[in-house]
């Protein structure tokens, strides 16, 4: 099924909204979390906070392959409870 939706005026189907026209708005340059290179943190960078699609996909792949994990406590032994004894 193909949708014939039109993008709002000033936007394209593949582009983010333009940077805010607020006076004094200055986009920041941050370190890319994947490669450490400079990355523009602004609406014009559709891969933010990453510097490129490649870095974004590498990060997604690391999460999907469980290279990144949220730290947890070791499982409790049978019969133990999480409540401290008084």
C-alpha atoms as a PDB file:
ATOM      1  CA  UNK A   1       0.000   0.000   0.000  1.00  0.00           C
ATOM      2  CA  UNK A   2       1.418   3.392  -0.941  1.00  0.00           C
ATOM      3  CA  UNK A   3       0.374   6.578   0.796  1.00  0.00           C
ATOM      4  CA  UNK A   4       0.301   9.827  -1.124  1.00  0.00           C
ATOM      5  CA  UNK A   5       0.804  12.079   1.880  1.00  0.00           C
ATOM      6  CA  UNK A   6       2.318  15.467   1.195  1.00  0.00           C
ATOM      7  CA  UNK A   7       4.967  16.901   3.517  1.00  0.00           C
ATOM      8  CA  UNK A   8       4.020  20.217   5.159  1.00  0.00           C
ATOM      9  CA  UNK A   9       5.265  23.347   3.425  1.00  0.00           C
ATOM     10  CA  UNK A  10       8.965  23.927   4.072  1.00  0.00           C
ATOM     11  CA  UNK A  11       9.627  20.242   4.814  1.00  0.00           C
ATOM     12  CA  UNK A  12      10.579  17.272   2.698  1.00  0.00           C
ATOM     13  CA  UNK A  13       9.795  13.651   3.492  1.00  0.00           C
ATOM     14  CA  UNK A  14      13.437  12.979   4.433  1.00  0.00           C
ATOM     15  CA  UNK A  15      14.409  16.209   6.158  1.00  0.00           C
ATOM     16  CA  UNK A  16      13.946  17.432   9.695  1.00  0.00           C
ATOM     17  CA  UNK A  17      12.338  20.796  10.396  1.00  0.00           C
ATOM     18  CA  UNK A  18      14.601  23.775   9.877  1.00  0.00           C
ATOM     19  CA  UNK A  19      16.558  25.105  12.836  1.00  0.00           C
ATOM     20  CA  UNK A  20      14.541  27.454  15.057  1.00  0.00           C
ATOM     21  CA  UNK A  21      14.767  31.073  14.014  1.00  0.00           C
ATOM     22  CA  UNK A  22      15.037  32.158  17.626  1.00  0.00           C
ATOM     23  CA  UNK A  23      17.517  35.003  17.974  1.00  0.00           C
ATOM     24  CA  UNK A  24      20.651  33.800  19.686  1.00  0.00           C
ATOM     25  CA  UNK A  25      20.067  30.108  18.788  1.00  0.00           C
ATOM     26  CA  UNK A  26      23.462  28.582  18.196  1.00  0.00           C
ATOM     27  CA  UNK A  27      23.715  24.869  17.423  1.00  0.00           C
ATOM     28  CA  UNK A  28      26.225  23.018  19.583  1.00  0.00           C
ATOM     29  CA  UNK A  29      28.930  20.714  18.370  1.00  0.00           C
ATOM     30  CA  UNK A  30      29.138  17.590  20.528  1.00  0.00           C
ATOM     31  CA  UNK A  31      31.227  14.427  20.410  1.00  0.00           C
ATOM     32  CA  UNK A  32      29.637  11.595  18.453  1.00  0.00           C
ATOM     33  CA  UNK A  33      28.900   8.769  20.942  1.00  0.00           C
ATOM     34  CA  UNK A  34      30.173   6.158  18.464  1.00  0.00           C
ATOM     35  CA  UNK A  35      33.336   7.551  16.897  1.00  0.00           C
ATOM     36  CA  UNK A  36      34.069  10.580  19.086  1.00  0.00           C
ATOM     37  CA  UNK A  37      34.191  12.926  16.102  1.00  0.00           C
ATOM     38  CA  UNK A  38      32.405  16.279  15.971  1.00  0.00           C
ATOM     39  CA  UNK A  39      28.644  16.165  15.511  1.00  0.00           C
ATOM     40  CA  UNK A  40      26.317  19.135  15.063  1.00  0.00           C
ATOM     41  CA  UNK A  41      23.529  18.870  17.647  1.00  0.00           C
ATOM     42  CA  UNK A  42      20.830  20.753  15.782  1.00  0.00           C
ATOM     43  CA  UNK A  43      17.570  19.916  13.973  1.00  0.00           C
ATOM     44  CA  UNK A  44      19.469  20.081  10.674  1.00  0.00           C
ATOM     45  CA  UNK A  45      21.445  16.941  11.667  1.00  0.00           C
ATOM     46  CA  UNK A  46      18.942  14.124  11.225  1.00  0.00           C
ATOM     47  CA  UNK A  47      21.354  11.642  12.843  1.00  0.00           C
ATOM     48  CA  UNK A  48      21.922  13.631  16.050  1.00  0.00           C
ATOM     49  CA  UNK A  49      23.605  13.020  18.429  1.00  0.00           C
ATOM     50  CA  UNK A  50      25.584  10.918  15.947  1.00  0.00           C
ATOM     51  CA  UNK A  51      27.698  12.442  13.190  1.00  0.00           C
ATOM     52  CA  UNK A  52      26.436  10.148  10.426  1.00  0.00           C
ATOM     53  CA  UNK A  53      24.021   7.381   9.526  1.00  0.00           C
ATOM     54  CA  UNK A  54      26.880   4.884   9.803  1.00  0.00           C
ATOM     55  CA  UNK A  55      27.570   5.792  13.449  1.00  0.00           C
ATOM     56  CA  UNK A  56      23.849   5.708  14.222  1.00  0.00           C
ATOM     57  CA  UNK A  57      23.510   2.236  12.684  1.00  0.00           C
ATOM     58  CA  UNK A  58      26.636   0.961  14.474  1.00  0.00           C
ATOM     59  CA  UNK A  59      25.146   2.056  17.796  1.00  0.00           C
ATOM     60  CA  UNK A  60      21.807   0.417  16.980  1.00  0.00           C
ATOM     61  CA  UNK A  61      23.628  -2.794  16.037  1.00  0.00           C
ATOM     62  CA  UNK A  62      25.506  -2.804  19.346  1.00  0.00           C
ATOM     63  CA  UNK A  63      22.222  -2.561  21.257  1.00  0.00           C
ATOM     64  CA  UNK A  64      20.591  -5.236  19.065  1.00  0.00           C
ATOM     65  CA  UNK A  65      23.489  -7.651  19.591  1.00  0.00           C
ATOM     66  CA  UNK A  66      23.359  -6.945  23.348  1.00  0.00           C
ATOM     67  CA  UNK A  67      26.869  -5.464  23.383  1.00  0.00           C
ATOM     68  CA  UNK A  68      25.382  -2.719  25.549  1.00  0.00           C
ATOM     69  CA  UNK A  69      23.565  -3.816  28.672  1.00  0.00           C
ATOM     70  CA  UNK A  70      21.884  -2.098  31.573  1.00  0.00           C
ATOM     71  CA  UNK A  71      23.693  -3.114  34.785  1.00  0.00           C
ATOM     72  CA  UNK A  72      21.689  -5.287  37.173  1.00  0.00           C
ATOM     73  CA  UNK A  73      22.188  -7.093  40.452  1.00  0.00           C
ATOM     74  CA  UNK A  74      22.937 -10.810  40.413  1.00  0.00           C
ATOM     75  CA  UNK A  75      19.845 -13.010  40.766  1.00  0.00           C
ATOM     76  CA  UNK A  76      18.767 -13.959  44.275  1.00  0.00           C
ATOM     77  CA  UNK A  77      19.336 -17.457  45.563  1.00  0.00           C
ATOM     78  CA  UNK A  78      16.167 -19.508  46.054  1.00  0.00           C
ATOM     79  CA  UNK A  79      14.617 -18.688  49.428  1.00  0.00           C
ATOM     80  CA  UNK A  80      16.199 -15.214  49.694  1.00  0.00           C
ATOM     81  CA  UNK A  81      14.107 -12.080  49.782  1.00  0.00           C
ATOM     82  CA  UNK A  82      15.021  -8.511  48.886  1.00  0.00           C
ATOM     83  CA  UNK A  83      13.881  -7.197  52.279  1.00  0.00           C
ATOM     84  CA  UNK A  84      16.611  -6.816  54.925  1.00  0.00           C
ATOM     85  CA  UNK A  85      16.249  -8.820  58.129  1.00  0.00           C
ATOM     86  CA  UNK A  86      15.749  -6.823  61.345  1.00  0.00           C
END
